[in-house]
């Protein structure tokens, strides 16, 4: 059921752009999560698309082969915990990626 909801949300969100607030300049932070639960590249693309729509998210890059997602966000608009919770609500497990 979560996968069905996920696919529906991807379909609805395709083609939308990041909000003006997310694009504005300001202090941004970057977080990288190791994501488990990707079953195909569509999962990564879908997660990337949906995260880009979240308030405060400026940039996202999800990778199916690397099993990760990199998010640049405005900490005044959205918290790291809420990003992680949002990823979990889409049916994936996210944990902080080891620092390189």
PDB file of N, CA and C in Angstrom:
ATOM      1  N   UNK A   1       0.819  -1.195   0.000  1.00  0.00           N
ATOM      2  CA  UNK A   1       0.000   0.000   0.000  1.00  0.00           C
ATOM      3  C   UNK A   1       0.863   1.259   0.000  1.00  0.00           C
ATOM      4  N   UNK A   2       1.968   1.228   0.746  1.00  0.00           N
ATOM      5  CA  UNK A   2       2.853   2.387   0.777  1.00  0.00           C
ATOM      6  C   UNK A   2       3.412   2.633  -0.617  1.00  0.00           C
ATOM      7  N   UNK A   3       3.790   1.582  -1.324  1.00  0.00           N
ATOM      8  CA  UNK A   3       4.332   1.726  -2.682  1.00  0.00           C
ATOM      9  C   UNK A   3       3.303   2.370  -3.613  1.00  0.00           C
ATOM     10  N   UNK A   4       2.036   1.968  -3.477  1.00  0.00           N
ATOM     11  CA  UNK A   4       0.984   2.536  -4.317  1.00  0.00           C
ATOM     12  C   UNK A   4       0.856   4.034  -4.047  1.00  0.00           C
ATOM     13  N   UNK A   5       0.852   4.405  -2.769  1.00  0.00           N
ATOM     14  CA  UNK A   5       0.772   5.823  -2.402  1.00  0.00           C
ATOM     15  C   UNK A   5       1.981   6.569  -2.953  1.00  0.00           C
ATOM     16  N   UNK A   6       3.139   5.961  -2.830  1.00  0.00           N
ATOM     17  CA  UNK A   6       4.379   6.560  -3.319  1.00  0.00           C
ATOM     18  C   UNK A   6       4.284   6.838  -4.818  1.00  0.00           C
ATOM     19  N   UNK A   7       3.840   5.852  -5.587  1.00  0.00           N
ATOM     20  CA  UNK A   7       3.713   6.009  -7.037  1.00  0.00           C
ATOM     21  C   UNK A   7       2.686   7.089  -7.371  1.00  0.00           C
ATOM     22  N   UNK A   8       1.576   7.138  -6.633  1.00  0.00           N
ATOM     23  CA  UNK A   8       0.571   8.168  -6.873  1.00  0.00           C
ATOM     24  C   UNK A   8       1.144   9.556  -6.626  1.00  0.00           C
ATOM     25  N   UNK A   9       1.894   9.710  -5.555  1.00  0.00           N
ATOM     26  CA  UNK A   9       2.486  11.006  -5.246  1.00  0.00           C
ATOM     27  C   UNK A   9       3.521  11.416  -6.282  1.00  0.00           C
ATOM     28  N   UNK A  10       4.288  10.449  -6.781  1.00  0.00           N
ATOM     29  CA  UNK A  10       5.263  10.757  -7.828  1.00  0.00           C
ATOM     30  C   UNK A  10       4.534  11.289  -9.056  1.00  0.00           C
ATOM     31  N   UNK A  11       3.468  10.610  -9.423  1.00  0.00           N
ATOM     32  CA  UNK A  11       2.712  10.995 -10.604  1.00  0.00           C
ATOM     33  C   UNK A  11       2.153  12.399 -10.455  1.00  0.00           C
ATOM     34  N   UNK A  12       1.613  12.705  -9.292  1.00  0.00           N
ATOM     35  CA  UNK A  12       1.064  14.032  -9.056  1.00  0.00           C
ATOM     36  C   UNK A  12       2.147  15.101  -9.023  1.00  0.00           C
ATOM     37  N   UNK A  13       3.329  14.737  -8.524  1.00  0.00           N
ATOM     38  CA  UNK A  13       4.384  15.724  -8.344  1.00  0.00           C
ATOM     39  C   UNK A  13       5.285  15.938  -9.537  1.00  0.00           C
ATOM     40  N   UNK A  14       5.219  15.081 -10.515  1.00  0.00           N
ATOM     41  CA  UNK A  14       6.115  15.201 -11.666  1.00  0.00           C
ATOM     42  C   UNK A  14       5.883  16.524 -12.386  1.00  0.00           C
ATOM     43  N   UNK A  15       6.972  17.190 -12.665  1.00  0.00           N
ATOM     44  CA  UNK A  15       6.876  18.445 -13.396  1.00  0.00           C
ATOM     45  C   UNK A  15       6.782  19.679 -12.525  1.00  0.00           C
ATOM     46  N   UNK A  16       6.591  19.527 -11.236  1.00  0.00           N
ATOM     47  CA  UNK A  16       6.517  20.715 -10.389  1.00  0.00           C
ATOM     48  C   UNK A  16       7.919  21.197 -10.057  1.00  0.00           C
ATOM     49  N   UNK A  17       8.024  22.457  -9.775  1.00  0.00           N
ATOM     50  CA  UNK A  17       9.319  23.062  -9.490  1.00  0.00           C
ATOM     51  C   UNK A  17       9.452  23.338  -8.007  1.00  0.00           C
ATOM     52  N   UNK A  18      10.682  23.541  -7.565  1.00  0.00           N
ATOM     53  CA  UNK A  18      10.922  23.907  -6.173  1.00  0.00           C
ATOM     54  C   UNK A  18      10.275  25.257  -5.909  1.00  0.00           C
ATOM     55  N   UNK A  19       9.863  25.464  -4.684  1.00  0.00           N
ATOM     56  CA  UNK A  19       9.224  26.729  -4.341  1.00  0.00           C
ATOM     57  C   UNK A  19      10.238  27.859  -4.387  1.00  0.00           C
ATOM     58  N   UNK A  20       9.741  29.063  -4.566  1.00  0.00           N
ATOM     59  CA  UNK A  20      10.615  30.240  -4.603  1.00  0.00           C
ATOM     60  C   UNK A  20      11.382  30.354  -3.295  1.00  0.00           C
ATOM     61  N   UNK A  21      10.739  30.050  -2.185  1.00  0.00           N
ATOM     62  CA  UNK A  21      11.411  30.141  -0.887  1.00  0.00           C
ATOM     63  C   UNK A  21      12.615  29.217  -0.818  1.00  0.00           C
ATOM     64  N   UNK A  22      12.520  28.057  -1.423  1.00  0.00           N
ATOM     65  CA  UNK A  22      13.628  27.103  -1.387  1.00  0.00           C
ATOM     66  C   UNK A  22      14.772  27.541  -2.288  1.00  0.00           C
ATOM     67  N   UNK A  23      14.474  28.325  -3.291  1.00  0.00           N
ATOM     68  CA  UNK A  23      15.490  28.753  -4.236  1.00  0.00           C
ATOM     69  C   UNK A  23      16.243  29.989  -3.737  1.00  0.00           C
ATOM     70  N   UNK A  24      15.585  30.797  -2.904  1.00  0.00           N
ATOM     71  CA  UNK A  24      16.210  32.022  -2.417  1.00  0.00           C
ATOM     72  C   UNK A  24      17.539  31.724  -1.752  1.00  0.00           C
ATOM     73  N   UNK A  25      18.418  32.699  -1.838  1.00  0.00           N
ATOM     74  CA  UNK A  25      19.718  32.530  -1.197  1.00  0.00           C
ATOM     75  C   UNK A  25      19.563  32.625   0.311  1.00  0.00           C
ATOM     76  N   UNK A  26      20.461  32.014   0.997  1.00  0.00           N
ATOM     77  CA  UNK A  26      20.443  32.005   2.453  1.00  0.00           C
ATOM     78  C   UNK A  26      21.316  30.878   2.949  1.00  0.00           C
ATOM     79  N   UNK A  27      21.346  30.730   4.240  1.00  0.00           N
ATOM     80  CA  UNK A  27      22.154  29.678   4.836  1.00  0.00           C
ATOM     81  C   UNK A  27      21.513  28.319   4.565  1.00  0.00           C
ATOM     82  N   UNK A  28      22.256  27.456   3.925  1.00  0.00           N
ATOM     83  CA  UNK A  28      21.776  26.102   3.625  1.00  0.00           C
ATOM     84  C   UNK A  28      22.705  25.095   4.276  1.00  0.00           C
ATOM     85  N   UNK A  29      22.147  23.979   4.645  1.00  0.00           N
ATOM     86  CA  UNK A  29      22.933  22.868   5.167  1.00  0.00           C
ATOM     87  C   UNK A  29      22.724  21.681   4.241  1.00  0.00           C
ATOM     88  N   UNK A  30      23.678  20.776   4.257  1.00  0.00           N
ATOM     89  CA  UNK A  30      23.596  19.583   3.420  1.00  0.00           C
ATOM     90  C   UNK A  30      23.682  18.350   4.303  1.00  0.00           C
ATOM     91  N   UNK A  31      22.808  17.394   4.033  1.00  0.00           N
ATOM     92  CA  UNK A  31      22.820  16.125   4.751  1.00  0.00           C
ATOM     93  C   UNK A  31      22.794  14.999   3.720  1.00  0.00           C
ATOM     94  N   UNK A  32      23.517  13.928   4.025  1.00  0.00           N
ATOM     95  CA  UNK A  32      23.520  12.748   3.164  1.00  0.00           C
ATOM     96  C   UNK A  32      23.017  11.562   3.975  1.00  0.00           C
ATOM     97  N   UNK A  33      22.035  10.867   3.428  1.00  0.00           N
ATOM     98  CA  UNK A  33      21.485   9.674   4.067  1.00  0.00           C
ATOM     99  C   UNK A  33      21.766   8.450   3.212  1.00  0.00           C
ATOM    100  N   UNK A  34      22.090   7.356   3.873  1.00  0.00           N
ATOM    101  CA  UNK A  34      22.094   6.043   3.228  1.00  0.00           C
ATOM    102  C   UNK A  34      20.633   5.601   3.246  1.00  0.00           C
ATOM    103  N   UNK A  35      20.099   5.240   2.099  1.00  0.00           N
ATOM    104  CA  UNK A  35      18.683   4.882   1.990  1.00  0.00           C
ATOM    105  C   UNK A  35      18.553   3.409   1.645  1.00  0.00           C
ATOM    106  N   UNK A  36      17.805   2.675   2.463  1.00  0.00           N
ATOM    107  CA  UNK A  36      17.492   1.287   2.121  1.00  0.00           C
ATOM    108  C   UNK A  36      16.014   1.221   1.750  1.00  0.00           C
ATOM    109  N   UNK A  37      15.719   0.362   0.804  1.00  0.00           N
ATOM    110  CA  UNK A  37      14.347   0.224   0.345  1.00  0.00           C
ATOM    111  C   UNK A  37      14.165   0.571  -1.122  1.00  0.00           C
ATOM    112  N   UNK A  38      15.211   1.128  -1.751  1.00  0.00           N
ATOM    113  CA  UNK A  38      15.133   1.348  -3.197  1.00  0.00           C
ATOM    114  C   UNK A  38      15.059  -0.027  -3.865  1.00  0.00           C
ATOM    115  N   UNK A  39      14.069  -0.232  -4.730  1.00  0.00           N
ATOM    116  CA  UNK A  39      13.993  -1.480  -5.482  1.00  0.00           C
ATOM    117  C   UNK A  39      14.326  -1.271  -6.959  1.00  0.00           C
ATOM    118  N   UNK A  40      14.341  -0.018  -7.378  1.00  0.00           N
ATOM    119  CA  UNK A  40      14.680   0.307  -8.763  1.00  0.00           C
ATOM    120  C   UNK A  40      15.010   1.791  -8.851  1.00  0.00           C
ATOM    121  N   UNK A  41      15.437   2.212 -10.017  1.00  0.00           N
ATOM    122  CA  UNK A  41      15.807   3.619 -10.193  1.00  0.00           C
ATOM    123  C   UNK A  41      14.605   4.545 -10.025  1.00  0.00           C
ATOM    124  N   UNK A  42      13.414   4.042 -10.321  1.00  0.00           N
ATOM    125  CA  UNK A  42      12.209   4.854 -10.172  1.00  0.00           C
ATOM    126  C   UNK A  42      12.006   5.278  -8.725  1.00  0.00           C
ATOM    127  N   UNK A  43      12.393   4.420  -7.795  1.00  0.00           N
ATOM    128  CA  UNK A  43      12.284   4.776  -6.376  1.00  0.00           C
ATOM    129  C   UNK A  43      13.145   5.996  -6.060  1.00  0.00           C
ATOM    130  N   UNK A  44      14.372   5.997  -6.541  1.00  0.00           N
ATOM    131  CA  UNK A  44      15.280   7.118  -6.284  1.00  0.00           C
ATOM    132  C   UNK A  44      14.771   8.393  -6.959  1.00  0.00           C
ATOM    133  N   UNK A  45      14.336   8.276  -8.201  1.00  0.00           N
ATOM    134  CA  UNK A  45      13.819   9.437  -8.924  1.00  0.00           C
ATOM    135  C   UNK A  45      12.568   9.977  -8.235  1.00  0.00           C
ATOM    136  N   UNK A  46      11.699   9.073  -7.808  1.00  0.00           N
ATOM    137  CA  UNK A  46      10.474   9.489  -7.126  1.00  0.00           C
ATOM    138  C   UNK A  46      10.750  10.180  -5.808  1.00  0.00           C
ATOM    139  N   UNK A  47      11.664   9.619  -5.019  1.00  0.00           N
ATOM    140  CA  UNK A  47      12.009  10.231  -3.740  1.00  0.00           C
ATOM    141  C   UNK A  47      12.609  11.614  -3.973  1.00  0.00           C
ATOM    142  N   UNK A  48      13.468  11.726  -4.956  1.00  0.00           N
ATOM    143  CA  UNK A  48      14.075  13.020  -5.297  1.00  0.00           C
ATOM    144  C   UNK A  48      12.999  14.040  -5.673  1.00  0.00           C
ATOM    145  N   UNK A  49      12.066  13.629  -6.512  1.00  0.00           N
ATOM    146  CA  UNK A  49      10.985  14.513  -6.956  1.00  0.00           C
ATOM    147  C   UNK A  49      10.140  14.994  -5.786  1.00  0.00           C
ATOM    148  N   UNK A  50       9.784  14.084  -4.895  1.00  0.00           N
ATOM    149  CA  UNK A  50       8.934  14.449  -3.764  1.00  0.00           C
ATOM    150  C   UNK A  50       9.663  15.320  -2.754  1.00  0.00           C
ATOM    151  N   UNK A  51      10.924  15.027  -2.500  1.00  0.00           N
ATOM    152  CA  UNK A  51      11.690  15.847  -1.559  1.00  0.00           C
ATOM    153  C   UNK A  51      11.857  17.275  -2.075  1.00  0.00           C
ATOM    154  N   UNK A  52      12.002  17.439  -3.376  1.00  0.00           N
ATOM    155  CA  UNK A  52      12.151  18.777  -3.956  1.00  0.00           C
ATOM    156  C   UNK A  52      10.925  19.647  -3.703  1.00  0.00           C
ATOM    157  N   UNK A  53       9.787  19.025  -3.458  1.00  0.00           N
ATOM    158  CA  UNK A  53       8.551  19.763  -3.221  1.00  0.00           C
ATOM    159  C   UNK A  53       8.391  20.196  -1.769  1.00  0.00           C
ATOM    160  N   UNK A  54       9.201  19.651  -0.889  1.00  0.00           N
ATOM    161  CA  UNK A  54       9.087  19.978   0.531  1.00  0.00           C
ATOM    162  C   UNK A  54       9.583  21.394   0.808  1.00  0.00           C
ATOM    163  N   UNK A  55       8.867  22.082   1.665  1.00  0.00           N
ATOM    164  CA  UNK A  55       9.237  23.442   2.046  1.00  0.00           C
ATOM    165  C   UNK A  55      10.634  23.442   2.661  1.00  0.00           C
ATOM    166  N   UNK A  56      11.476  24.339   2.189  1.00  0.00           N
ATOM    167  CA  UNK A  56      12.816  24.474   2.735  1.00  0.00           C
ATOM    168  C   UNK A  56      13.880  23.653   2.033  1.00  0.00           C
ATOM    169  N   UNK A  57      13.470  22.766   1.145  1.00  0.00           N
ATOM    170  CA  UNK A  57      14.445  21.942   0.418  1.00  0.00           C
ATOM    171  C   UNK A  57      14.867  22.694  -0.840  1.00  0.00           C
ATOM    172  N   UNK A  58      16.172  22.938  -0.964  1.00  0.00           N
ATOM    173  CA  UNK A  58      16.695  23.704  -2.092  1.00  0.00           C
ATOM    174  C   UNK A  58      17.197  22.817  -3.227  1.00  0.00           C
ATOM    175  N   UNK A  59      17.727  21.636  -2.881  1.00  0.00           N
ATOM    176  CA  UNK A  59      18.343  20.782  -3.894  1.00  0.00           C
ATOM    177  C   UNK A  59      18.376  19.354  -3.373  1.00  0.00           C
ATOM    178  N   UNK A  60      18.158  18.390  -4.263  1.00  0.00           N
ATOM    179  CA  UNK A  60      18.180  16.969  -3.888  1.00  0.00           C
ATOM    180  C   UNK A  60      18.828  16.168  -5.011  1.00  0.00           C
ATOM    181  N   UNK A  61      19.613  15.176  -4.628  1.00  0.00           N
ATOM    182  CA  UNK A  61      20.146  14.208  -5.596  1.00  0.00           C
ATOM    183  C   UNK A  61      20.073  12.832  -4.948  1.00  0.00           C
ATOM    184  N   UNK A  62      19.219  11.975  -5.491  1.00  0.00           N
ATOM    185  CA  UNK A  62      19.083  10.606  -4.994  1.00  0.00           C
ATOM    186  C   UNK A  62      19.756   9.664  -5.983  1.00  0.00           C
ATOM    187  N   UNK A  63      20.428   8.640  -5.466  1.00  0.00           N
ATOM    188  CA  UNK A  63      21.137   7.687  -6.319  1.00  0.00           C
ATOM    189  C   UNK A  63      20.741   6.262  -5.957  1.00  0.00           C
ATOM    190  N   UNK A  64      20.163   5.565  -6.935  1.00  0.00           N
ATOM    191  CA  UNK A  64      19.807   4.161  -6.730  1.00  0.00           C
ATOM    192  C   UNK A  64      21.046   3.286  -6.585  1.00  0.00           C
ATOM    193  N   UNK A  65      22.050   3.393  -7.484  1.00  0.00           N
ATOM    194  CA  UNK A  65      23.224   2.517  -7.343  1.00  0.00           C
ATOM    195  C   UNK A  65      23.995   2.752  -6.044  1.00  0.00           C
ATOM    196  N   UNK A  66      24.058   4.014  -5.603  1.00  0.00           N
ATOM    197  CA  UNK A  66      24.804   4.329  -4.379  1.00  0.00           C
ATOM    198  C   UNK A  66      23.962   4.195  -3.115  1.00  0.00           C
ATOM    199  N   UNK A  67      22.665   3.965  -3.285  1.00  0.00           N
ATOM    200  CA  UNK A  67      21.715   3.843  -2.173  1.00  0.00           C
ATOM    201  C   UNK A  67      21.808   5.030  -1.218  1.00  0.00           C
ATOM    202  N   UNK A  68      21.762   6.244  -1.792  1.00  0.00           N
ATOM    203  CA  UNK A  68      21.812   7.407  -0.922  1.00  0.00           C
ATOM    204  C   UNK A  68      20.971   8.544  -1.477  1.00  0.00           C
ATOM    205  N   UNK A  69      20.832   9.573  -0.654  1.00  0.00           N
ATOM    206  CA  UNK A  69      20.194  10.811  -1.074  1.00  0.00           C
ATOM    207  C   UNK A  69      20.946  11.952  -0.395  1.00  0.00           C
ATOM    208  N   UNK A  70      21.268  12.973  -1.176  1.00  0.00           N
ATOM    209  CA  UNK A  70      21.934  14.171  -0.664  1.00  0.00           C
ATOM    210  C   UNK A  70      20.919  15.304  -0.743  1.00  0.00           C
ATOM    211  N   UNK A  71      20.718  15.991   0.379  1.00  0.00           N
ATOM    212  CA  UNK A  71      19.707  17.044   0.449  1.00  0.00           C
ATOM    213  C   UNK A  71      20.350  18.333   0.942  1.00  0.00           C
ATOM    214  N   UNK A  72      20.143  19.411   0.194  1.00  0.00           N
ATOM    215  CA  UNK A  72      20.554  20.743   0.645  1.00  0.00           C
ATOM    216  C   UNK A  72      19.269  21.447   1.075  1.00  0.00           C
ATOM    217  N   UNK A  73      19.246  21.952   2.299  1.00  0.00           N
ATOM    218  CA  UNK A  73      18.012  22.510   2.842  1.00  0.00           C
ATOM    219  C   UNK A  73      18.293  23.733   3.708  1.00  0.00           C
ATOM    220  N   UNK A  74      17.235  24.481   3.958  1.00  0.00           N
ATOM    221  CA  UNK A  74      17.297  25.648   4.828  1.00  0.00           C
ATOM    222  C   UNK A  74      16.845  25.211   6.221  1.00  0.00           C
ATOM    223  N   UNK A  75      17.747  25.204   7.201  1.00  0.00           N
ATOM    224  CA  UNK A  75      17.384  24.736   8.540  1.00  0.00           C
ATOM    225  C   UNK A  75      16.357  25.628   9.245  1.00  0.00           C
ATOM    226  N   UNK A  76      16.131  26.830   8.724  1.00  0.00           N
ATOM    227  CA  UNK A  76      15.094  27.703   9.291  1.00  0.00           C
ATOM    228  C   UNK A  76      13.707  27.269   8.835  1.00  0.00           C
ATOM    229  N   UNK A  77      13.657  26.528   7.732  1.00  0.00           N
ATOM    230  CA  UNK A  77      12.383  26.109   7.146  1.00  0.00           C
ATOM    231  C   UNK A  77      12.017  24.662   7.462  1.00  0.00           C
ATOM    232  N   UNK A  78      13.031  23.803   7.550  1.00  0.00           N
ATOM    233  CA  UNK A  78      12.787  22.372   7.745  1.00  0.00           C
ATOM    234  C   UNK A  78      13.939  21.784   8.557  1.00  0.00           C
ATOM    235  N   UNK A  79      13.620  20.827   9.402  1.00  0.00           N
ATOM    236  CA  UNK A  79      14.661  20.203  10.227  1.00  0.00           C
ATOM    237  C   UNK A  79      15.150  18.908   9.585  1.00  0.00           C
ATOM    238  N   UNK A  80      16.336  18.514   9.981  1.00  0.00           N
ATOM    239  CA  UNK A  80      16.902  17.257   9.491  1.00  0.00           C
ATOM    240  C   UNK A  80      16.017  16.080   9.917  1.00  0.00           C
ATOM    241  N   UNK A  81      15.485  16.139  11.139  1.00  0.00           N
ATOM    242  CA  UNK A  81      14.600  15.069  11.617  1.00  0.00           C
ATOM    243  C   UNK A  81      13.326  14.971  10.784  1.00  0.00           C
ATOM    244  N   UNK A  82      12.771  16.112  10.386  1.00  0.00           N
ATOM    245  CA  UNK A  82      11.548  16.057   9.581  1.00  0.00           C
ATOM    246  C   UNK A  82      11.831  15.511   8.181  1.00  0.00           C
ATOM    247  N   UNK A  83      13.016  15.788   7.642  1.00  0.00           N
ATOM    248  CA  UNK A  83      13.392  15.205   6.350  1.00  0.00           C
ATOM    249  C   UNK A  83      13.485  13.686   6.463  1.00  0.00           C
ATOM    250  N   UNK A  84      14.120  13.232   7.529  1.00  0.00           N
ATOM    251  CA  UNK A  84      14.263  11.791   7.748  1.00  0.00           C
ATOM    252  C   UNK A  84      12.890  11.135   7.934  1.00  0.00           C
ATOM    253  N   UNK A  85      12.003  11.792   8.667  1.00  0.00           N
ATOM    254  CA  UNK A  85      10.647  11.268   8.865  1.00  0.00           C
ATOM    255  C   UNK A  85       9.874  11.219   7.555  1.00  0.00           C
ATOM    256  N   UNK A  86      10.052  12.230   6.727  1.00  0.00           N
ATOM    257  CA  UNK A  86       9.373  12.264   5.438  1.00  0.00           C
ATOM    258  C   UNK A  86       9.832  11.105   4.558  1.00  0.00           C
ATOM    259  N   UNK A  87      11.132  10.857   4.555  1.00  0.00           N
ATOM    260  CA  UNK A  87      11.674   9.729   3.783  1.00  0.00           C
ATOM    261  C   UNK A  87      11.068   8.419   4.287  1.00  0.00           C
ATOM    262  N   UNK A  88      10.969   8.275   5.603  1.00  0.00           N
ATOM    263  CA  UNK A  88      10.371   7.068   6.189  1.00  0.00           C
ATOM    264  C   UNK A  88       8.897   6.940   5.809  1.00  0.00           C
ATOM    265  N   UNK A  89       8.186   8.056   5.727  1.00  0.00           N
ATOM    266  CA  UNK A  89       6.763   8.003   5.372  1.00  0.00           C
ATOM    267  C   UNK A  89       6.547   7.516   3.939  1.00  0.00           C
ATOM    268  N   UNK A  90       7.583   7.600   3.120  1.00  0.00           N
ATOM    269  CA  UNK A  90       7.513   7.112   1.745  1.00  0.00           C
ATOM    270  C   UNK A  90       7.900   5.636   1.640  1.00  0.00           C
ATOM    271  N   UNK A  91       8.201   5.013   2.780  1.00  0.00           N
ATOM    272  CA  UNK A  91       8.491   3.583   2.780  1.00  0.00           C
ATOM    273  C   UNK A  91       9.960   3.217   2.728  1.00  0.00           C
ATOM    274  N   UNK A  92      10.836   4.194   2.946  1.00  0.00           N
ATOM    275  CA  UNK A  92      12.276   3.941   2.921  1.00  0.00           C
ATOM    276  C   UNK A  92      12.857   4.117   4.316  1.00  0.00           C
ATOM    277  N   UNK A  93      14.024   3.528   4.530  1.00  0.00           N
ATOM    278  CA  UNK A  93      14.747   3.716   5.786  1.00  0.00           C
ATOM    279  C   UNK A  93      15.966   4.575   5.486  1.00  0.00           C
ATOM    280  N   UNK A  94      16.128   5.642   6.256  1.00  0.00           N
ATOM    281  CA  UNK A  94      17.255   6.548   6.049  1.00  0.00           C
ATOM    282  C   UNK A  94      18.077   6.637   7.318  1.00  0.00           C
ATOM    283  N   UNK A  95      19.375   6.525   7.152  1.00  0.00           N
ATOM    284  CA  UNK A  95      20.280   6.747   8.279  1.00  0.00           C
ATOM    285  C   UNK A  95      21.442   7.592   7.775  1.00  0.00           C
ATOM    286  N   UNK A  96      22.016   8.410   8.645  1.00  0.00           N
ATOM    287  CA  UNK A  96      23.110   9.274   8.200  1.00  0.00           C
ATOM    288  C   UNK A  96      24.226   8.464   7.545  1.00  0.00           C
ATOM    289  N   UNK A  97      24.679   8.939   6.410  1.00  0.00           N
ATOM    290  CA  UNK A  97      25.780   8.273   5.702  1.00  0.00           C
ATOM    291  C   UNK A  97      27.085   8.604   6.409  1.00  0.00           C
ATOM    292  N   UNK A  98      28.017   7.661   6.422  1.00  0.00           N
ATOM    293  CA  UNK A  98      29.318   7.945   7.034  1.00  0.00           C
ATOM    294  C   UNK A  98      30.005   9.106   6.317  1.00  0.00           C
ATOM    295  N   UNK A  99      30.679   9.931   7.075  1.00  0.00           N
ATOM    296  CA  UNK A  99      31.418  11.069   6.500  1.00  0.00           C
ATOM    297  C   UNK A  99      32.600  10.548   5.694  1.00  0.00           C
ATOM    298  N   UNK A 100      32.811  11.132   4.539  1.00  0.00           N
ATOM    299  CA  UNK A 100      33.911  10.678   3.664  1.00  0.00           C
ATOM    300  C   UNK A 100      35.229  11.297   4.061  1.00  0.00           C
TER     301      UNK A 100
END
